[in-house]
Amino acid sequence: LLVASMPAVLARSPQAVYVLVGGLPNQVAQVRSW
């Protein structure tokens, strides 16, 4: 859901950066793919 929210936020604030700390390697890869 958080990744799904990003396009709308970036459309209004294009310099925004999302920092997601945590996750096992396979989980991080999944979020990156989203």
PDB file of all heavy atoms in Angstrom:
ATOM      1  N   LEU A   1       0.840  -1.209   0.000  1.00  0.00           N
ATOM      2  CA  LEU A   1       0.000   0.000   0.000  1.00  0.00           C
ATOM      3  C   LEU A   1       0.870   1.251   0.000  1.00  0.00           C
ATOM      4  O   LEU A   1       0.551   2.239  -0.681  1.00  0.00           O
ATOM      5  CB  LEU A   1      -0.917   0.010   1.222  1.00  0.00           C
ATOM      6  CG  LEU A   1      -1.850  -1.191   1.413  1.00  0.00           C
ATOM      7  CD1 LEU A   1      -2.690  -1.010   2.673  1.00  0.00           C
ATOM      8  CD2 LEU A   1      -2.743  -1.367   0.192  1.00  0.00           C
ATOM      9  N   LEU A   2       1.961   1.206   0.757  1.00  0.00           N
ATOM     10  CA  LEU A   2       2.844   2.366   0.817  1.00  0.00           C
ATOM     11  C   LEU A   2       3.461   2.648  -0.548  1.00  0.00           C
ATOM     12  O   LEU A   2       3.496   3.793  -1.006  1.00  0.00           O
ATOM     13  CB  LEU A   2       3.938   2.130   1.864  1.00  0.00           C
ATOM     14  CG  LEU A   2       4.903   3.289   2.092  1.00  0.00           C
ATOM     15  CD1 LEU A   2       4.163   4.543   2.532  1.00  0.00           C
ATOM     16  CD2 LEU A   2       5.958   2.911   3.120  1.00  0.00           C
ATOM     17  N   VAL A   3       3.931   1.602  -1.222  1.00  0.00           N
ATOM     18  CA  VAL A   3       4.499   1.792  -2.563  1.00  0.00           C
ATOM     19  C   VAL A   3       3.422   2.289  -3.523  1.00  0.00           C
ATOM     20  O   VAL A   3       3.682   3.171  -4.360  1.00  0.00           O
ATOM     21  CB  VAL A   3       5.145   0.486  -3.071  1.00  0.00           C
ATOM     22  CG1 VAL A   3       5.570   0.629  -4.527  1.00  0.00           C
ATOM     23  CG2 VAL A   3       6.350   0.115  -2.199  1.00  0.00           C
ATOM     24  N   ALA A   4       2.213   1.766  -3.389  1.00  0.00           N
ATOM     25  CA  ALA A   4       1.118   2.213  -4.255  1.00  0.00           C
ATOM     26  C   ALA A   4       0.797   3.689  -4.048  1.00  0.00           C
ATOM     27  O   ALA A   4       0.268   4.354  -4.954  1.00  0.00           O
ATOM     28  CB  ALA A   4      -0.125   1.362  -4.001  1.00  0.00           C
ATOM     29  N   SER A   5       1.103   4.209  -2.859  1.00  0.00           N
ATOM     30  CA  SER A   5       0.823   5.624  -2.571  1.00  0.00           C
ATOM     31  C   SER A   5       1.864   6.565  -3.176  1.00  0.00           C
ATOM     32  O   SER A   5       1.622   7.771  -3.295  1.00  0.00           O
ATOM     33  CB  SER A   5       0.764   5.851  -1.056  1.00  0.00           C
ATOM     34  OG  SER A   5       2.071   5.870  -0.471  1.00  0.00           O
ATOM     35  N   MET A   6       3.009   6.033  -3.542  1.00  0.00           N
ATOM     36  CA  MET A   6       4.133   6.882  -3.925  1.00  0.00           C
ATOM     37  C   MET A   6       3.907   7.704  -5.194  1.00  0.00           C
ATOM     38  O   MET A   6       4.266   8.893  -5.232  1.00  0.00           O
ATOM     39  CB  MET A   6       5.403   6.040  -4.056  1.00  0.00           C
ATOM     40  CG  MET A   6       5.936   5.523  -2.724  1.00  0.00           C
ATOM     41  SD  MET A   6       7.390   4.436  -2.907  1.00  0.00           S
ATOM     42  CE  MET A   6       8.573   5.548  -3.677  1.00  0.00           C
ATOM     43  N   PRO A   7       3.321   7.154  -6.275  1.00  0.00           N
ATOM     44  CA  PRO A   7       3.173   7.972  -7.483  1.00  0.00           C
ATOM     45  C   PRO A   7       2.403   9.267  -7.252  1.00  0.00           C
ATOM     46  O   PRO A   7       2.800  10.326  -7.770  1.00  0.00           O
ATOM     47  CB  PRO A   7       2.427   7.036  -8.440  1.00  0.00           C
ATOM     48  CG  PRO A   7       2.846   5.663  -8.018  1.00  0.00           C
ATOM     49  CD  PRO A   7       2.922   5.751  -6.513  1.00  0.00           C
ATOM     50  N   ALA A   8       1.332   9.216  -6.479  1.00  0.00           N
ATOM     51  CA  ALA A   8       0.541  10.420  -6.240  1.00  0.00           C
ATOM     52  C   ALA A   8       1.323  11.441  -5.419  1.00  0.00           C
ATOM     53  O   ALA A   8       1.232  12.652  -5.664  1.00  0.00           O
ATOM     54  CB  ALA A   8      -0.764  10.060  -5.531  1.00  0.00           C
ATOM     55  N   VAL A   9       2.086  10.974  -4.454  1.00  0.00           N
ATOM     56  CA  VAL A   9       2.897  11.890  -3.643  1.00  0.00           C
ATOM     57  C   VAL A   9       4.003  12.509  -4.495  1.00  0.00           C
ATOM     58  O   VAL A   9       4.244  13.722  -4.452  1.00  0.00           O
ATOM     59  CB  VAL A   9       3.491  11.163  -2.422  1.00  0.00           C
ATOM     60  CG1 VAL A   9       4.458  12.074  -1.666  1.00  0.00           C
ATOM     61  CG2 VAL A   9       2.376  10.683  -1.485  1.00  0.00           C
ATOM     62  N   LEU A  10       4.662  11.687  -5.302  1.00  0.00           N
ATOM     63  CA  LEU A  10       5.757  12.186  -6.129  1.00  0.00           C
ATOM     64  C   LEU A  10       5.261  13.143  -7.213  1.00  0.00           C
ATOM     65  O   LEU A  10       6.004  14.033  -7.640  1.00  0.00           O
ATOM     66  CB  LEU A  10       6.507  11.011  -6.746  1.00  0.00           C
ATOM     67  CG  LEU A  10       7.326  10.181  -5.743  1.00  0.00           C
ATOM     68  CD1 LEU A  10       7.737   8.855  -6.360  1.00  0.00           C
ATOM     69  CD2 LEU A  10       8.544  10.953  -5.271  1.00  0.00           C
ATOM     70  N   ALA A  11       4.018  12.976  -7.646  1.00  0.00           N
ATOM     71  CA  ALA A  11       3.470  13.901  -8.642  1.00  0.00           C
ATOM     72  C   ALA A  11       3.380  15.309  -8.082  1.00  0.00           C
ATOM     73  O   ALA A  11       3.561  16.299  -8.808  1.00  0.00           O
ATOM     74  CB  ALA A  11       2.090  13.416  -9.092  1.00  0.00           C
ATOM     75  N   ARG A  12       3.107  15.402  -6.782  1.00  0.00           N
ATOM     76  CA  ARG A  12       3.006  16.712  -6.116  1.00  0.00           C
ATOM     77  C   ARG A  12       4.329  17.143  -5.501  1.00  0.00           C
ATOM     78  O   ARG A  12       4.588  18.338  -5.341  1.00  0.00           O
ATOM     79  CB  ARG A  12       1.935  16.637  -5.012  1.00  0.00           C
ATOM     80  CG  ARG A  12       0.516  16.484  -5.518  1.00  0.00           C
ATOM     81  CD  ARG A  12      -0.158  17.822  -5.751  1.00  0.00           C
ATOM     82  NE  ARG A  12      -0.218  18.580  -4.507  1.00  0.00           N
ATOM     83  CZ  ARG A  12      -1.173  18.435  -3.592  1.00  0.00           C
ATOM     84  NH1 ARG A  12      -2.135  17.534  -3.766  1.00  0.00           N
ATOM     85  NH2 ARG A  12      -1.167  19.176  -2.508  1.00  0.00           N
ATOM     86  N   SER A  13       5.161  16.180  -5.124  1.00  0.00           N
ATOM     87  CA  SER A  13       6.424  16.468  -4.455  1.00  0.00           C
ATOM     88  C   SER A  13       7.511  15.600  -5.080  1.00  0.00           C
ATOM     89  O   SER A  13       7.937  14.593  -4.509  1.00  0.00           O
ATOM     90  CB  SER A  13       6.293  16.177  -2.953  1.00  0.00           C
ATOM     91  OG  SER A  13       7.431  16.582  -2.235  1.00  0.00           O
ATOM     92  N   PRO A  14       7.977  15.966  -6.282  1.00  0.00           N
ATOM     93  CA  PRO A  14       8.862  15.087  -7.068  1.00  0.00           C
ATOM     94  C   PRO A  14      10.214  14.814  -6.441  1.00  0.00           C
ATOM     95  O   PRO A  14      10.884  13.867  -6.845  1.00  0.00           O
ATOM     96  CB  PRO A  14       8.998  15.826  -8.399  1.00  0.00           C
ATOM     97  CG  PRO A  14       8.612  17.242  -8.111  1.00  0.00           C
ATOM     98  CD  PRO A  14       7.604  17.187  -7.012  1.00  0.00           C
ATOM     99  N   GLN A  15      10.641  15.613  -5.465  1.00  0.00           N
ATOM    100  CA  GLN A  15      11.926  15.382  -4.810  1.00  0.00           C
ATOM    101  C   GLN A  15      11.806  14.507  -3.564  1.00  0.00           C
ATOM    102  O   GLN A  15      12.802  14.271  -2.875  1.00  0.00           O
ATOM    103  CB  GLN A  15      12.566  16.718  -4.424  1.00  0.00           C
ATOM    104  CG  GLN A  15      12.925  17.601  -5.609  1.00  0.00           C
ATOM    105  CD  GLN A  15      13.921  16.920  -6.528  1.00  0.00           C
ATOM    106  OE1 GLN A  15      14.936  16.397  -6.079  1.00  0.00           O
ATOM    107  NE2 GLN A  15      13.622  16.911  -7.819  1.00  0.00           N
ATOM    108  N   ALA A  16      10.602  14.032  -3.278  1.00  0.00           N
ATOM    109  CA  ALA A  16      10.395  13.195  -2.094  1.00  0.00           C
ATOM    110  C   ALA A  16      11.203  11.901  -2.201  1.00  0.00           C
ATOM    111  O   ALA A  16      11.411  11.361  -3.297  1.00  0.00           O
ATOM    112  CB  ALA A  16       8.917  12.872  -1.916  1.00  0.00           C
ATOM    113  N   VAL A  17      11.655  11.424  -1.039  1.00  0.00           N
ATOM    114  CA  VAL A  17      12.416  10.176  -0.961  1.00  0.00           C
ATOM    115  C   VAL A  17      11.774   9.309   0.126  1.00  0.00           C
ATOM    116  O   VAL A  17      11.500   9.786   1.235  1.00  0.00           O
ATOM    117  CB  VAL A  17      13.898  10.430  -0.620  1.00  0.00           C
ATOM    118  CG1 VAL A  17      14.644   9.106  -0.455  1.00  0.00           C
ATOM    119  CG2 VAL A  17      14.556  11.285  -1.692  1.00  0.00           C
ATOM    120  N   TYR A  18      11.555   8.045  -0.202  1.00  0.00           N
ATOM    121  CA  TYR A  18      11.008   7.078   0.746  1.00  0.00           C
ATOM    122  C   TYR A  18      12.135   6.178   1.239  1.00  0.00           C
ATOM    123  O   TYR A  18      12.822   5.544   0.431  1.00  0.00           O
ATOM    124  CB  TYR A  18       9.919   6.234   0.094  1.00  0.00           C
ATOM    125  CG  TYR A  18       8.593   6.941  -0.041  1.00  0.00           C
ATOM    126  CD1 TYR A  18       8.421   7.964  -0.961  1.00  0.00           C
ATOM    127  CD2 TYR A  18       7.504   6.581   0.754  1.00  0.00           C
ATOM    128  CE1 TYR A  18       7.205   8.621  -1.086  1.00  0.00           C
ATOM    129  CE2 TYR A  18       6.283   7.227   0.636  1.00  0.00           C
ATOM    130  CZ  TYR A  18       6.140   8.249  -0.292  1.00  0.00           C
ATOM    131  OH  TYR A  18       4.928   8.897  -0.403  1.00  0.00           O
ATOM    132  N   VAL A  19      12.317   6.133   2.546  1.00  0.00           N
ATOM    133  CA  VAL A  19      13.337   5.278   3.158  1.00  0.00           C
ATOM    134  C   VAL A  19      12.619   4.190   3.945  1.00  0.00           C
ATOM    135  O   VAL A  19      11.950   4.480   4.939  1.00  0.00           O
ATOM    136  CB  VAL A  19      14.272   6.086   4.078  1.00  0.00           C
ATOM    137  CG1 VAL A  19      15.280   5.157   4.751  1.00  0.00           C
ATOM    138  CG2 VAL A  19      14.990   7.173   3.295  1.00  0.00           C
ATOM    139  N   LEU A  20      12.748   2.948   3.503  1.00  0.00           N
ATOM    140  CA  LEU A  20      12.090   1.813   4.152  1.00  0.00           C
ATOM    141  C   LEU A  20      13.191   0.932   4.747  1.00  0.00           C
ATOM    142  O   LEU A  20      13.930   0.263   4.013  1.00  0.00           O
ATOM    143  CB  LEU A  20      11.259   1.018   3.150  1.00  0.00           C
ATOM    144  CG  LEU A  20       9.870   1.557   2.781  1.00  0.00           C
ATOM    145  CD1 LEU A  20       9.930   2.968   2.223  1.00  0.00           C
ATOM    146  CD2 LEU A  20       9.180   0.632   1.788  1.00  0.00           C
ATOM    147  N   VAL A  21      13.291   0.948   6.070  1.00  0.00           N
ATOM    148  CA  VAL A  21      14.375   0.261   6.763  1.00  0.00           C
ATOM    149  C   VAL A  21      13.860  -1.054   7.330  1.00  0.00           C
ATOM    150  O   VAL A  21      12.911  -1.075   8.107  1.00  0.00           O
ATOM    151  CB  VAL A  21      14.939   1.128   7.905  1.00  0.00           C
ATOM    152  CG1 VAL A  21      16.132   0.430   8.551  1.00  0.00           C
ATOM    153  CG2 VAL A  21      15.341   2.502   7.395  1.00  0.00           C
ATOM    154  N   GLY A  22      14.521  -2.151   6.952  1.00  0.00           N
ATOM    155  CA  GLY A  22      14.145  -3.461   7.453  1.00  0.00           C
ATOM    156  C   GLY A  22      14.049  -4.461   6.312  1.00  0.00           C
ATOM    157  O   GLY A  22      14.426  -4.177   5.174  1.00  0.00           O
ATOM    158  N   GLY A  23      13.545  -5.639   6.641  1.00  0.00           N
ATOM    159  CA  GLY A  23      13.282  -6.634   5.621  1.00  0.00           C
ATOM    160  C   GLY A  23      14.427  -7.597   5.373  1.00  0.00           C
ATOM    161  O   GLY A  23      15.597  -7.221   5.376  1.00  0.00           O
ATOM    162  N   LEU A  24      14.074  -8.857   5.152  1.00  0.00           N
ATOM    163  CA  LEU A  24      15.017  -9.866   4.703  1.00  0.00           C
ATOM    164  C   LEU A  24      15.312  -9.630   3.223  1.00  0.00           C
ATOM    165  O   LEU A  24      14.544  -8.959   2.531  1.00  0.00           O
ATOM    166  CB  LEU A  24      14.438 -11.262   4.920  1.00  0.00           C
ATOM    167  CG  LEU A  24      14.121 -11.631   6.379  1.00  0.00           C
ATOM    168  CD1 LEU A  24      13.356 -12.944   6.442  1.00  0.00           C
ATOM    169  CD2 LEU A  24      15.402 -11.710   7.207  1.00  0.00           C
ATOM    170  N   PRO A  25      16.436 -10.158   2.705  1.00  0.00           N
ATOM    171  CA  PRO A  25      16.796  -9.880   1.312  1.00  0.00           C
ATOM    172  C   PRO A  25      15.685 -10.166   0.304  1.00  0.00           C
ATOM    173  O   PRO A  25      15.451  -9.376  -0.620  1.00  0.00           O
ATOM    174  CB  PRO A  25      18.011 -10.782   1.088  1.00  0.00           C
ATOM    175  CG  PRO A  25      18.644 -10.866   2.451  1.00  0.00           C
ATOM    176  CD  PRO A  25      17.489 -10.906   3.412  1.00  0.00           C
ATOM    177  N   ASN A  26      14.971 -11.289   0.455  1.00  0.00           N
ATOM    178  CA  ASN A  26      13.905 -11.603  -0.500  1.00  0.00           C
ATOM    179  C   ASN A  26      12.739 -10.630  -0.372  1.00  0.00           C
ATOM    180  O   ASN A  26      12.073 -10.298  -1.367  1.00  0.00           O
ATOM    181  CB  ASN A  26      13.425 -13.043  -0.299  1.00  0.00           C
ATOM    182  CG  ASN A  26      12.783 -13.277   1.063  1.00  0.00           C
ATOM    183  OD1 ASN A  26      13.391 -12.970   2.096  1.00  0.00           O
ATOM    184  ND2 ASN A  26      11.580 -13.817   1.091  1.00  0.00           N
ATOM    185  N   GLN A  27      12.488 -10.144   0.852  1.00  0.00           N
ATOM    186  CA  GLN A  27      11.410  -9.179   1.057  1.00  0.00           C
ATOM    187  C   GLN A  27      11.776  -7.813   0.481  1.00  0.00           C
ATOM    188  O   GLN A  27      10.943  -7.127  -0.113  1.00  0.00           O
ATOM    189  CB  GLN A  27      11.095  -9.065   2.553  1.00  0.00           C
ATOM    190  CG  GLN A  27      10.545 -10.349   3.152  1.00  0.00           C
ATOM    191  CD  GLN A  27      10.464 -10.283   4.673  1.00  0.00           C
ATOM    192  OE1 GLN A  27      11.299  -9.663   5.334  1.00  0.00           O
ATOM    193  NE2 GLN A  27       9.453 -10.935   5.225  1.00  0.00           N
ATOM    194  N   VAL A  28      13.036  -7.436   0.652  1.00  0.00           N
ATOM    195  CA  VAL A  28      13.508  -6.181   0.065  1.00  0.00           C
ATOM    196  C   VAL A  28      13.389  -6.243  -1.451  1.00  0.00           C
ATOM    197  O   VAL A  28      12.958  -5.282  -2.104  1.00  0.00           O
ATOM    198  CB  VAL A  28      14.963  -5.900   0.493  1.00  0.00           C
ATOM    199  CG1 VAL A  28      15.541  -4.716  -0.280  1.00  0.00           C
ATOM    200  CG2 VAL A  28      15.035  -5.630   1.995  1.00  0.00           C
ATOM    201  N   ALA A  29      13.743  -7.392  -2.037  1.00  0.00           N
ATOM    202  CA  ALA A  29      13.637  -7.559  -3.486  1.00  0.00           C
ATOM    203  C   ALA A  29      12.188  -7.429  -3.948  1.00  0.00           C
ATOM    204  O   ALA A  29      11.906  -6.847  -5.001  1.00  0.00           O
ATOM    205  CB  ALA A  29      14.213  -8.913  -3.897  1.00  0.00           C
ATOM    206  N   GLN A  30      11.255  -7.963  -3.149  1.00  0.00           N
ATOM    207  CA  GLN A  30       9.844  -7.856  -3.499  1.00  0.00           C
ATOM    208  C   GLN A  30       9.383  -6.398  -3.506  1.00  0.00           C
ATOM    209  O   GLN A  30       8.718  -5.952  -4.442  1.00  0.00           O
ATOM    210  CB  GLN A  30       9.003  -8.648  -2.494  1.00  0.00           C
ATOM    211  CG  GLN A  30       7.498  -8.519  -2.687  1.00  0.00           C
ATOM    212  CD  GLN A  30       7.023  -9.152  -3.977  1.00  0.00           C
ATOM    213  OE1 GLN A  30       6.901 -10.369  -4.068  1.00  0.00           O
ATOM    214  NE2 GLN A  30       6.742  -8.336  -4.982  1.00  0.00           N
ATOM    215  N   VAL A  31       9.768  -5.651  -2.484  1.00  0.00           N
ATOM    216  CA  VAL A  31       9.381  -4.238  -2.426  1.00  0.00           C
ATOM    217  C   VAL A  31      10.015  -3.475  -3.588  1.00  0.00           C
ATOM    218  O   VAL A  31       9.367  -2.618  -4.214  1.00  0.00           O
ATOM    219  CB  VAL A  31       9.783  -3.620  -1.074  1.00  0.00           C
ATOM    220  CG1 VAL A  31       9.534  -2.118  -1.071  1.00  0.00           C
ATOM    221  CG2 VAL A  31       8.998  -4.280   0.064  1.00  0.00           C
ATOM    222  N   ARG A  32      11.252  -3.791  -3.899  1.00  0.00           N
ATOM    223  CA  ARG A  32      11.907  -3.119  -5.024  1.00  0.00           C
ATOM    224  C   ARG A  32      11.175  -3.410  -6.333  1.00  0.00           C
ATOM    225  O   ARG A  32      11.021  -2.516  -7.181  1.00  0.00           O
ATOM    226  CB  ARG A  32      13.374  -3.545  -5.116  1.00  0.00           C
ATOM    227  CG  ARG A  32      14.128  -2.837  -6.237  1.00  0.00           C
ATOM    228  CD  ARG A  32      15.608  -3.140  -6.232  1.00  0.00           C
ATOM    229  NE  ARG A  32      16.277  -2.453  -5.123  1.00  0.00           N
ATOM    230  CZ  ARG A  32      16.788  -3.044  -4.070  1.00  0.00           C
ATOM    231  NH1 ARG A  32      16.693  -4.364  -3.940  1.00  0.00           N
ATOM    232  NH2 ARG A  32      17.373  -2.356  -3.118  1.00  0.00           N
ATOM    233  N   SER A  33      10.693  -4.628  -6.478  1.00  0.00           N
ATOM    234  CA  SER A  33       9.964  -4.974  -7.706  1.00  0.00           C
ATOM    235  C   SER A  33       8.652  -4.200  -7.793  1.00  0.00           C
ATOM    236  O   SER A  33       8.247  -3.785  -8.887  1.00  0.00           O
ATOM    237  CB  SER A  33       9.701  -6.485  -7.776  1.00  0.00           C
ATOM    238  OG  SER A  33       8.717  -6.901  -6.840  1.00  0.00           O
ATOM    239  N   TRP A  34       7.982  -3.994  -6.651  1.00  0.00           N
ATOM    240  CA  TRP A  34       6.768  -3.178  -6.662  1.00  0.00           C
ATOM    241  C   TRP A  34       7.088  -1.749  -7.090  1.00  0.00           C
ATOM    242  O   TRP A  34       6.350  -1.140  -7.867  1.00  0.00           O
ATOM    243  CB  TRP A  34       6.131  -3.159  -5.279  1.00  0.00           C
ATOM    244  CG  TRP A  34       5.552  -4.462  -4.826  1.00  0.00           C
ATOM    245  CD1 TRP A  34       5.105  -5.493  -5.607  1.00  0.00           C
ATOM    246  CD2 TRP A  34       5.356  -4.878  -3.468  1.00  0.00           C
ATOM    247  NE1 TRP A  34       4.646  -6.530  -4.827  1.00  0.00           N
ATOM    248  CE2 TRP A  34       4.775  -6.175  -3.508  1.00  0.00           C
ATOM    249  CE3 TRP A  34       5.605  -4.294  -2.233  1.00  0.00           C
ATOM    250  CZ2 TRP A  34       4.450  -6.881  -2.357  1.00  0.00           C
ATOM    251  CZ3 TRP A  34       5.279  -4.995  -1.080  1.00  0.00           C
ATOM    252  CH2 TRP A  34       4.713  -6.266  -1.141  1.00  0.00           C
TER     253      TRP A  34
END
